[in-house]
Amino acid sequence: MSKKARLILAIVILEAVLAGIWWYLAHFGMANPDRVTSDFQTVVGQTMGMAMGGLLGLGVVLFFVAARNDRKDVQNKAPR
């Protein structure tokens, strides 16, 4: 499996975990309105959105690094 494929798989899994946490917190806030502040949903949405967006942005940069490393590996393995 190439480094690009492993990176994509890892990013998808991490994004799914973050989405699950977001889903849990959103439902917790709706189910327990007396235990959370009035701006809980907004804060959770902004925080989790920023975390997921930041991870995705970092994933794009890491994807280009992984692609470069895959190209270097192919060049080093090629017979001369």
Protein backbone atom coordinates (compact mmCIF):
# COMPACT_ATOMS: atom_id res chain seq x y z
CA MET A 1 0.00 0.00 0.00
CA SER A 2 1.45 3.35 -0.98
CA LYS A 3 2.05 6.14 1.48
CA LYS A 4 -0.68 8.21 -0.20
CA ALA A 5 -3.25 5.46 0.28
CA ARG A 6 -2.28 4.96 3.92
CA LEU A 7 -2.53 8.70 4.55
CA ILE A 8 -5.96 8.94 2.94
CA LEU A 9 -7.18 5.99 5.00
CA ALA A 10 -5.84 7.53 8.22
CA ILE A 11 -7.40 10.93 7.48
CA VAL A 12 -10.77 9.34 6.69
CA ILE A 13 -10.70 7.37 9.95
CA LEU A 14 -9.71 10.43 12.02
CA GLU A 15 -12.38 12.58 10.35
CA ALA A 16 -14.97 9.89 11.10
CA VAL A 17 -13.91 9.81 14.75
CA LEU A 18 -14.18 13.60 14.98
CA ALA A 19 -17.59 13.49 13.29
CA GLY A 20 -18.71 10.89 15.83
CA ILE A 21 -17.59 13.10 18.70
CA TRP A 22 -19.40 16.03 17.12
CA TRP A 23 -22.56 13.94 16.72
CA TYR A 24 -22.37 12.78 20.36
CA LEU A 25 -21.90 16.30 21.71
CA ALA A 26 -24.73 17.67 19.57
CA HIS A 27 -27.10 15.00 20.85
CA PHE A 28 -25.90 15.49 24.41
CA GLY A 29 -26.70 19.19 24.18
CA MET A 30 -30.17 18.54 22.76
CA ALA A 31 -30.97 15.82 25.28
CA ASN A 32 -29.76 17.81 28.29
CA PRO A 33 -30.62 21.47 27.73
CA ASP A 34 -30.60 22.12 31.48
CA ARG A 35 -26.99 20.91 31.83
CA VAL A 36 -25.42 23.02 29.04
CA THR A 37 -25.16 26.74 28.34
CA SER A 38 -27.36 28.48 25.81
CA ASP A 39 -24.52 28.78 23.28
CA PHE A 40 -23.36 25.16 23.63
CA GLN A 41 -24.40 24.10 20.12
CA THR A 42 -22.65 27.08 18.55
CA VAL A 43 -19.44 26.51 20.48
CA VAL A 44 -19.41 22.79 19.72
CA GLY A 45 -20.08 23.45 16.04
CA GLN A 46 -17.34 26.03 15.73
CA THR A 47 -14.80 24.00 17.69
CA MET A 48 -15.40 20.70 15.95
CA GLY A 49 -15.65 22.37 12.56
CA MET A 50 -12.32 24.05 13.12
CA ALA A 51 -10.73 20.79 14.29
CA MET A 52 -12.03 18.86 11.29
CA GLY A 53 -11.06 21.62 8.86
CA GLY A 54 -7.59 21.90 10.35
CA LEU A 55 -7.05 18.16 10.12
CA LEU A 56 -8.23 18.15 6.52
CA GLY A 57 -5.93 21.04 5.64
CA LEU A 58 -2.99 19.29 7.27
CA GLY A 59 -3.98 16.14 5.40
CA VAL A 60 -3.71 17.94 2.05
CA VAL A 61 -0.18 19.10 2.85
CA LEU A 62 0.80 15.64 4.08
CA PHE A 63 -0.71 14.12 0.91
CA PHE A 64 1.70 16.11 -1.25
CA VAL A 65 4.61 15.07 0.96
CA ALA A 66 3.53 11.41 0.72
CA ALA A 67 3.20 11.69 -3.07
CA ARG A 68 6.73 13.10 -3.30
CA ASN A 69 8.05 10.29 -1.10
CA ASP A 70 6.26 7.69 -3.24
CA ARG A 71 7.90 9.15 -6.37
CA LYS A 72 11.33 9.07 -4.71
CA ASP A 73 10.83 5.44 -3.70
CA VAL A 74 9.89 4.46 -7.25
CA GLN A 75 12.95 6.27 -8.67
CA ASN A 76 15.26 4.60 -6.16
CA LYS A 77 13.92 1.13 -6.98
CA ALA A 78 14.17 1.58 -10.76
CA PRO A 79 17.04 -0.35 -12.39
CA ARG A 80 19.74 1.83 -13.91
